[in-house]
Amino acid sequence: QTMTVTAGNTLTIRYNFLTNEVNPNLGFNDN
């Protein structure tokens, strides 16, 4: 998305990463 910001503005992101890979899996390290 395009957005206009001012230096010092903050963007707060709440996220949840889900996977069927082994944790950790350095060879198949989805992100």
PDB file of all heavy atoms in Angstrom:
ATOM      1  N   GLN A   1       0.850  -1.188   0.000  1.00  0.00           N
ATOM      2  CA  GLN A   1       0.000   0.000   0.000  1.00  0.00           C
ATOM      3  C   GLN A   1       0.891   1.245   0.000  1.00  0.00           C
ATOM      4  O   GLN A   1       1.938   1.274   0.670  1.00  0.00           O
ATOM      5  CB  GLN A   1      -0.904   0.029   1.225  1.00  0.00           C
ATOM      6  CG  GLN A   1      -1.822   1.238   1.264  1.00  0.00           C
ATOM      7  CD  GLN A   1      -2.772   1.232   2.461  1.00  0.00           C
ATOM      8  OE1 GLN A   1      -3.042   2.277   3.047  1.00  0.00           O
ATOM      9  NE2 GLN A   1      -3.285   0.058   2.833  1.00  0.00           N
ATOM     10  N   THR A   2       0.480   2.260  -0.747  1.00  0.00           N
ATOM     11  CA  THR A   2       1.188   3.540  -0.745  1.00  0.00           C
ATOM     12  C   THR A   2       0.711   4.369   0.440  1.00  0.00           C
ATOM     13  O   THR A   2      -0.491   4.438   0.719  1.00  0.00           O
ATOM     14  CB  THR A   2       0.917   4.309  -2.049  1.00  0.00           C
ATOM     15  OG1 THR A   2       1.395   3.531  -3.152  1.00  0.00           O
ATOM     16  CG2 THR A   2       1.622   5.655  -2.052  1.00  0.00           C
ATOM     17  N   MET A   3       1.637   5.002   1.139  1.00  0.00           N
ATOM     18  CA  MET A   3       1.267   5.838   2.282  1.00  0.00           C
ATOM     19  C   MET A   3       2.267   6.971   2.439  1.00  0.00           C
ATOM     20  O   MET A   3       3.406   6.889   1.983  1.00  0.00           O
ATOM     21  CB  MET A   3       1.177   5.006   3.567  1.00  0.00           C
ATOM     22  CG  MET A   3       2.463   4.340   3.991  1.00  0.00           C
ATOM     23  SD  MET A   3       2.270   3.288   5.461  1.00  0.00           S
ATOM     24  CE  MET A   3       1.879   4.514   6.709  1.00  0.00           C
ATOM     25  N   THR A   4       1.822   8.045   3.071  1.00  0.00           N
ATOM     26  CA  THR A   4       2.662   9.211   3.334  1.00  0.00           C
ATOM     27  C   THR A   4       2.916   9.301   4.832  1.00  0.00           C
ATOM     28  O   THR A   4       1.969   9.221   5.633  1.00  0.00           O
ATOM     29  CB  THR A   4       1.987  10.496   2.837  1.00  0.00           C
ATOM     30  OG1 THR A   4       1.779  10.393   1.421  1.00  0.00           O
ATOM     31  CG2 THR A   4       2.853  11.713   3.125  1.00  0.00           C
ATOM     32  N   VAL A   5       4.171   9.458   5.215  1.00  0.00           N
ATOM     33  CA  VAL A   5       4.545   9.493   6.625  1.00  0.00           C
ATOM     34  C   VAL A   5       5.481  10.662   6.883  1.00  0.00           C
ATOM     35  O   VAL A   5       6.056  11.248   5.972  1.00  0.00           O
ATOM     36  CB  VAL A   5       5.218   8.181   7.059  1.00  0.00           C
ATOM     37  CG1 VAL A   5       4.289   7.003   6.874  1.00  0.00           C
ATOM     38  CG2 VAL A   5       6.525   7.977   6.305  1.00  0.00           C
ATOM     39  N   THR A   6       5.629  10.967   8.153  1.00  0.00           N
ATOM     40  CA  THR A   6       6.588  11.963   8.622  1.00  0.00           C
ATOM     41  C   THR A   6       7.656  11.244   9.429  1.00  0.00           C
ATOM     42  O   THR A   6       7.349  10.304  10.178  1.00  0.00           O
ATOM     43  CB  THR A   6       5.881  13.014   9.495  1.00  0.00           C
ATOM     44  OG1 THR A   6       4.868  13.666   8.720  1.00  0.00           O
ATOM     45  CG2 THR A   6       6.867  14.043  10.030  1.00  0.00           C
ATOM     46  N   ALA A   7       8.896  11.666   9.283  1.00  0.00           N
ATOM     47  CA  ALA A   7       9.978  11.061  10.052  1.00  0.00           C
ATOM     48  C   ALA A   7       9.632  11.071  11.534  1.00  0.00           C
ATOM     49  O   ALA A   7       9.195  12.087  12.076  1.00  0.00           O
ATOM     50  CB  ALA A   7      11.282  11.811   9.811  1.00  0.00           C
ATOM     51  N   GLY A   8       9.782   9.939  12.185  1.00  0.00           N
ATOM     52  CA  GLY A   8       9.431   9.797  13.588  1.00  0.00           C
ATOM     53  C   GLY A   8       8.108   9.100  13.798  1.00  0.00           C
ATOM     54  O   GLY A   8       7.838   8.616  14.909  1.00  0.00           O
ATOM     55  N   ASN A   9       7.244   9.059  12.758  1.00  0.00           N
ATOM     56  CA  ASN A   9       6.010   8.276  12.866  1.00  0.00           C
ATOM     57  C   ASN A   9       6.358   6.816  13.123  1.00  0.00           C
ATOM     58  O   ASN A   9       7.399   6.323  12.673  1.00  0.00           O
ATOM     59  CB  ASN A   9       5.195   8.355  11.589  1.00  0.00           C
ATOM     60  CG  ASN A   9       4.428   9.653  11.420  1.00  0.00           C
ATOM     61  OD1 ASN A   9       3.860   9.881  10.363  1.00  0.00           O
ATOM     62  ND2 ASN A   9       4.392  10.515  12.421  1.00  0.00           N
ATOM     63  N   THR A  10       5.498   6.127  13.825  1.00  0.00           N
ATOM     64  CA  THR A  10       5.711   4.700  14.060  1.00  0.00           C
ATOM     65  C   THR A  10       4.579   3.892  13.447  1.00  0.00           C
ATOM     66  O   THR A  10       3.437   4.349  13.360  1.00  0.00           O
ATOM     67  CB  THR A  10       5.791   4.382  15.564  1.00  0.00           C
ATOM     68  OG1 THR A  10       4.585   4.795  16.208  1.00  0.00           O
ATOM     69  CG2 THR A  10       6.989   5.068  16.193  1.00  0.00           C
ATOM     70  N   LEU A  11       4.918   2.710  13.003  1.00  0.00           N
ATOM     71  CA  LEU A  11       3.949   1.755  12.479  1.00  0.00           C
ATOM     72  C   LEU A  11       3.991   0.521  13.368  1.00  0.00           C
ATOM     73  O   LEU A  11       5.030  -0.131  13.498  1.00  0.00           O
ATOM     74  CB  LEU A  11       4.287   1.369  11.040  1.00  0.00           C
ATOM     75  CG  LEU A  11       3.412   0.282  10.401  1.00  0.00           C
ATOM     76  CD1 LEU A  11       1.964   0.752  10.313  1.00  0.00           C
ATOM     77  CD2 LEU A  11       3.945  -0.090   9.025  1.00  0.00           C
ATOM     78  N   THR A  12       2.886   0.227  14.010  1.00  0.00           N
ATOM     79  CA  THR A  12       2.797  -0.926  14.892  1.00  0.00           C
ATOM     80  C   THR A  12       2.145  -2.088  14.146  1.00  0.00           C
ATOM     81  O   THR A  12       1.073  -1.942  13.570  1.00  0.00           O
ATOM     82  CB  THR A  12       1.986  -0.593  16.158  1.00  0.00           C
ATOM     83  OG1 THR A  12       2.641   0.466  16.860  1.00  0.00           O
ATOM     84  CG2 THR A  12       1.871  -1.800  17.072  1.00  0.00           C
ATOM     85  N   ILE A  13       2.815  -3.230  14.160  1.00  0.00           N
ATOM     86  CA  ILE A  13       2.377  -4.407  13.414  1.00  0.00           C
ATOM     87  C   ILE A  13       2.208  -5.567  14.389  1.00  0.00           C
ATOM     88  O   ILE A  13       3.131  -5.923  15.122  1.00  0.00           O
ATOM     89  CB  ILE A  13       3.432  -4.801  12.350  1.00  0.00           C
ATOM     90  CG1 ILE A  13       3.707  -3.631  11.411  1.00  0.00           C
ATOM     91  CG2 ILE A  13       2.992  -6.035  11.578  1.00  0.00           C
ATOM     92  CD1 ILE A  13       5.016  -3.762  10.659  1.00  0.00           C
ATOM     93  N   ARG A  14       1.040  -6.158  14.398  1.00  0.00           N
ATOM     94  CA  ARG A  14       0.805  -7.366  15.189  1.00  0.00           C
ATOM     95  C   ARG A  14       0.735  -8.544  14.218  1.00  0.00           C
ATOM     96  O   ARG A  14      -0.041  -8.521  13.269  1.00  0.00           O
ATOM     97  CB  ARG A  14      -0.497  -7.254  15.973  1.00  0.00           C
ATOM     98  CG  ARG A  14      -0.801  -8.446  16.851  1.00  0.00           C
ATOM     99  CD  ARG A  14      -2.126  -8.258  17.567  1.00  0.00           C
ATOM    100  NE  ARG A  14      -2.041  -7.213  18.566  1.00  0.00           N
ATOM    101  CZ  ARG A  14      -3.088  -6.504  18.985  1.00  0.00           C
ATOM    102  NH1 ARG A  14      -4.269  -6.692  18.444  1.00  0.00           N
ATOM    103  NH2 ARG A  14      -2.939  -5.596  19.918  1.00  0.00           N
ATOM    104  N   TYR A  15       1.526  -9.561  14.450  1.00  0.00           N
ATOM    105  CA  TYR A  15       1.614 -10.657  13.489  1.00  0.00           C
ATOM    106  C   TYR A  15       1.762 -12.002  14.205  1.00  0.00           C
ATOM    107  O   TYR A  15       2.196 -12.082  15.356  1.00  0.00           O
ATOM    108  CB  TYR A  15       2.802 -10.452  12.538  1.00  0.00           C
ATOM    109  CG  TYR A  15       4.145 -10.535  13.228  1.00  0.00           C
ATOM    110  CD1 TYR A  15       4.848 -11.732  13.264  1.00  0.00           C
ATOM    111  CD2 TYR A  15       4.699  -9.421  13.866  1.00  0.00           C
ATOM    112  CE1 TYR A  15       6.066 -11.824  13.914  1.00  0.00           C
ATOM    113  CE2 TYR A  15       5.910  -9.506  14.514  1.00  0.00           C
ATOM    114  CZ  TYR A  15       6.589 -10.702  14.535  1.00  0.00           C
ATOM    115  OH  TYR A  15       7.792 -10.798  15.193  1.00  0.00           O
ATOM    116  N   ASN A  16       1.404 -13.051  13.480  1.00  0.00           N
ATOM    117  CA  ASN A  16       1.518 -14.422  13.971  1.00  0.00           C
ATOM    118  C   ASN A  16       2.007 -15.285  12.809  1.00  0.00           C
ATOM    119  O   ASN A  16       1.321 -15.414  11.796  1.00  0.00           O
ATOM    120  CB  ASN A  16       0.159 -14.912  14.481  1.00  0.00           C
ATOM    121  CG  ASN A  16       0.203 -16.322  15.065  1.00  0.00           C
ATOM    122  OD1 ASN A  16       1.249 -16.945  15.156  1.00  0.00           O
ATOM    123  ND2 ASN A  16      -0.961 -16.819  15.454  1.00  0.00           N
ATOM    124  N   PHE A  17       3.210 -15.839  12.927  1.00  0.00           N
ATOM    125  CA  PHE A  17       3.793 -16.671  11.882  1.00  0.00           C
ATOM    126  C   PHE A  17       3.463 -18.129  12.164  1.00  0.00           C
ATOM    127  O   PHE A  17       3.712 -18.645  13.259  1.00  0.00           O
ATOM    128  CB  PHE A  17       5.310 -16.464  11.841  1.00  0.00           C
ATOM    129  CG  PHE A  17       6.029 -17.307  10.825  1.00  0.00           C
ATOM    130  CD1 PHE A  17       5.796 -17.140   9.467  1.00  0.00           C
ATOM    131  CD2 PHE A  17       6.959 -18.261  11.230  1.00  0.00           C
ATOM    132  CE1 PHE A  17       6.468 -17.914   8.523  1.00  0.00           C
ATOM    133  CE2 PHE A  17       7.645 -19.031  10.303  1.00  0.00           C
ATOM    134  CZ  PHE A  17       7.399 -18.859   8.940  1.00  0.00           C
ATOM    135  N   LEU A  18       2.884 -18.804  11.166  1.00  0.00           N
ATOM    136  CA  LEU A  18       2.493 -20.206  11.298  1.00  0.00           C
ATOM    137  C   LEU A  18       3.250 -21.039  10.273  1.00  0.00           C
ATOM    138  O   LEU A  18       3.494 -20.580   9.152  1.00  0.00           O
ATOM    139  CB  LEU A  18       0.989 -20.371  11.065  1.00  0.00           C
ATOM    140  CG  LEU A  18       0.065 -19.465  11.882  1.00  0.00           C
ATOM    141  CD1 LEU A  18      -0.341 -18.248  11.069  1.00  0.00           C
ATOM    142  CD2 LEU A  18      -1.175 -20.231  12.310  1.00  0.00           C
ATOM    143  N   THR A  19       3.602 -22.269  10.634  1.00  0.00           N
ATOM    144  CA  THR A  19       4.367 -23.081   9.689  1.00  0.00           C
ATOM    145  C   THR A  19       4.166 -24.564   9.934  1.00  0.00           C
ATOM    146  O   THR A  19       3.788 -24.982  11.041  1.00  0.00           O
ATOM    147  CB  THR A  19       5.872 -22.747   9.784  1.00  0.00           C
ATOM    148  OG1 THR A  19       6.585 -23.428   8.749  1.00  0.00           O
ATOM    149  CG2 THR A  19       6.444 -23.112  11.141  1.00  0.00           C
ATOM    150  N   ASN A  20       4.415 -25.332   8.888  1.00  0.00           N
ATOM    151  CA  ASN A  20       4.492 -26.785   8.995  1.00  0.00           C
ATOM    152  C   ASN A  20       5.932 -27.278   8.903  1.00  0.00           C
ATOM    153  O   ASN A  20       6.176 -28.481   8.905  1.00  0.00           O
ATOM    154  CB  ASN A  20       3.654 -27.446   7.889  1.00  0.00           C
ATOM    155  CG  ASN A  20       2.177 -27.377   8.194  1.00  0.00           C
ATOM    156  OD1 ASN A  20       1.749 -27.586   9.318  1.00  0.00           O
ATOM    157  ND2 ASN A  20       1.379 -27.070   7.177  1.00  0.00           N
ATOM    158  N   GLU A  21       6.870 -26.341   8.829  1.00  0.00           N
ATOM    159  CA  GLU A  21       8.282 -26.711   8.844  1.00  0.00           C
ATOM    160  C   GLU A  21       8.706 -27.042  10.281  1.00  0.00           C
ATOM    161  O   GLU A  21       8.081 -26.615  11.251  1.00  0.00           O
ATOM    162  CB  GLU A  21       9.150 -25.555   8.326  1.00  0.00           C
ATOM    163  CG  GLU A  21       8.889 -25.149   6.885  1.00  0.00           C
ATOM    164  CD  GLU A  21       9.511 -26.097   5.869  1.00  0.00           C
ATOM    165  OE1 GLU A  21      10.079 -27.138   6.281  1.00  0.00           O
ATOM    166  OE2 GLU A  21       9.429 -25.789   4.665  1.00  0.00           O
ATOM    167  N   VAL A  22       9.800 -27.802  10.403  1.00  0.00           N
ATOM    168  CA  VAL A  22      10.388 -28.062  11.711  1.00  0.00           C
ATOM    169  C   VAL A  22      10.931 -26.750  12.271  1.00  0.00           C
ATOM    170  O   VAL A  22      11.383 -25.881  11.528  1.00  0.00           O
ATOM    171  CB  VAL A  22      11.518 -29.103  11.581  1.00  0.00           C
ATOM    172  CG1 VAL A  22      12.237 -29.309  12.903  1.00  0.00           C
ATOM    173  CG2 VAL A  22      10.947 -30.420  11.060  1.00  0.00           C
ATOM    174  N   ASN A  23      10.914 -26.584  13.585  1.00  0.00           N
ATOM    175  CA  ASN A  23      11.440 -25.376  14.227  1.00  0.00           C
ATOM    176  C   ASN A  23      12.686 -25.722  15.057  1.00  0.00           C
ATOM    177  O   ASN A  23      12.570 -26.493  16.008  1.00  0.00           O
ATOM    178  CB  ASN A  23      10.419 -24.748  15.169  1.00  0.00           C
ATOM    179  CG  ASN A  23       9.020 -24.718  14.620  1.00  0.00           C
ATOM    180  OD1 ASN A  23       8.113 -25.156  15.298  1.00  0.00           O
ATOM    181  ND2 ASN A  23       8.844 -24.243  13.411  1.00  0.00           N
ATOM    182  N   PRO A  24      13.865 -25.167  14.716  1.00  0.00           N
ATOM    183  CA  PRO A  24      14.150 -24.423  13.494  1.00  0.00           C
ATOM    184  C   PRO A  24      14.486 -25.369  12.346  1.00  0.00           C
ATOM    185  O   PRO A  24      14.759 -26.549  12.564  1.00  0.00           O
ATOM    186  CB  PRO A  24      15.371 -23.591  13.880  1.00  0.00           C
ATOM    187  CG  PRO A  24      16.095 -24.460  14.871  1.00  0.00           C
ATOM    188  CD  PRO A  24      15.021 -25.189  15.639  1.00  0.00           C
ATOM    189  N   ASN A  25      14.479 -24.836  11.139  1.00  0.00           N
ATOM    190  CA  ASN A  25      14.833 -25.626   9.958  1.00  0.00           C
ATOM    191  C   ASN A  25      15.706 -24.752   9.062  1.00  0.00           C
ATOM    192  O   ASN A  25      15.206 -24.012   8.212  1.00  0.00           O
ATOM    193  CB  ASN A  25      13.581 -26.078   9.215  1.00  0.00           C
ATOM    194  CG  ASN A  25      13.879 -27.110   8.146  1.00  0.00           C
ATOM    195  OD1 ASN A  25      15.005 -27.197   7.655  1.00  0.00           O
ATOM    196  ND2 ASN A  25      12.882 -27.898   7.780  1.00  0.00           N
ATOM    197  N   LEU A  26      16.994 -24.812   9.263  1.00  0.00           N
ATOM    198  CA  LEU A  26      17.915 -23.924   8.553  1.00  0.00           C
ATOM    199  C   LEU A  26      17.944 -24.200   7.056  1.00  0.00           C
ATOM    200  O   LEU A  26      18.276 -23.319   6.265  1.00  0.00           O
ATOM    201  CB  LEU A  26      19.318 -24.041   9.150  1.00  0.00           C
ATOM    202  CG  LEU A  26      19.447 -23.663  10.629  1.00  0.00           C
ATOM    203  CD1 LEU A  26      20.892 -23.769  11.079  1.00  0.00           C
ATOM    204  CD2 LEU A  26      18.904 -22.272  10.883  1.00  0.00           C
ATOM    205  N   GLY A  27      17.605 -25.423   6.653  1.00  0.00           N
ATOM    206  CA  GLY A  27      17.616 -25.760   5.245  1.00  0.00           C
ATOM    207  C   GLY A  27      16.372 -25.325   4.497  1.00  0.00           C
ATOM    208  O   GLY A  27      16.411 -25.129   3.277  1.00  0.00           O
ATOM    209  N   PHE A  28      15.267 -25.188   5.212  1.00  0.00           N
ATOM    210  CA  PHE A  28      13.986 -24.789   4.622  1.00  0.00           C
ATOM    211  C   PHE A  28      13.355 -23.730   5.531  1.00  0.00           C
ATOM    212  O   PHE A  28      12.296 -23.936   6.118  1.00  0.00           O
ATOM    213  CB  PHE A  28      13.069 -26.006   4.452  1.00  0.00           C
ATOM    214  CG  PHE A  28      13.696 -27.117   3.655  1.00  0.00           C
ATOM    215  CD1 PHE A  28      14.223 -28.229   4.279  1.00  0.00           C
ATOM    216  CD2 PHE A  28      13.790 -27.018   2.273  1.00  0.00           C
ATOM    217  CE1 PHE A  28      14.819 -29.247   3.550  1.00  0.00           C
ATOM    218  CE2 PHE A  28      14.381 -28.029   1.524  1.00  0.00           C
ATOM    219  CZ  PHE A  28      14.904 -29.142   2.167  1.00  0.00           C
ATOM    220  N   ASN A  29      14.050 -22.599   5.626  1.00  0.00           N
ATOM    221  CA  ASN A  29      13.748 -21.594   6.644  1.00  0.00           C
ATOM    222  C   ASN A  29      12.746 -20.551   6.124  1.00  0.00           C
ATOM    223  O   ASN A  29      13.085 -19.378   5.921  1.00  0.00           O
ATOM    224  CB  ASN A  29      15.042 -20.925   7.100  1.00  0.00           C
ATOM    225  CG  ASN A  29      14.887 -20.200   8.419  1.00  0.00           C
ATOM    226  OD1 ASN A  29      13.904 -20.378   9.128  1.00  0.00           O
ATOM    227  ND2 ASN A  29      15.861 -19.381   8.743  1.00  0.00           N
ATOM    228  N   ASP A  30      11.492 -20.979   5.908  1.00  0.00           N
ATOM    229  CA  ASP A  30      10.443 -20.064   5.471  1.00  0.00           C
ATOM    230  C   ASP A  30      10.384 -18.843   6.392  1.00  0.00           C
ATOM    231  O   ASP A  30      10.648 -18.953   7.599  1.00  0.00           O
ATOM    232  CB  ASP A  30       9.071 -20.750   5.495  1.00  0.00           C
ATOM    233  CG  ASP A  30       8.996 -21.948   4.575  1.00  0.00           C
ATOM    234  OD1 ASP A  30       9.955 -22.200   3.827  1.00  0.00           O
ATOM    235  OD2 ASP A  30       7.954 -22.636   4.604  1.00  0.00           O
ATOM    236  N   ASN A  31      10.017 -17.691   5.830  1.00  0.00           N
ATOM    237  CA  ASN A  31       9.914 -16.507   6.688  1.00  0.00           C
ATOM    238  C   ASN A  31       8.889 -15.518   6.165  1.00  0.00           C
ATOM    239  O   ASN A  31       8.447 -15.587   5.014  1.00  0.00           O
ATOM    240  CB  ASN A  31      11.272 -15.815   6.834  1.00  0.00           C
ATOM    241  CG  ASN A  31      11.657 -14.991   5.625  1.00  0.00           C
ATOM    242  OD1 ASN A  31      11.812 -15.504   4.523  1.00  0.00           O
ATOM    243  ND2 ASN A  31      11.847 -13.681   5.839  1.00  0.00           N
TER     244      ASN A  31
END
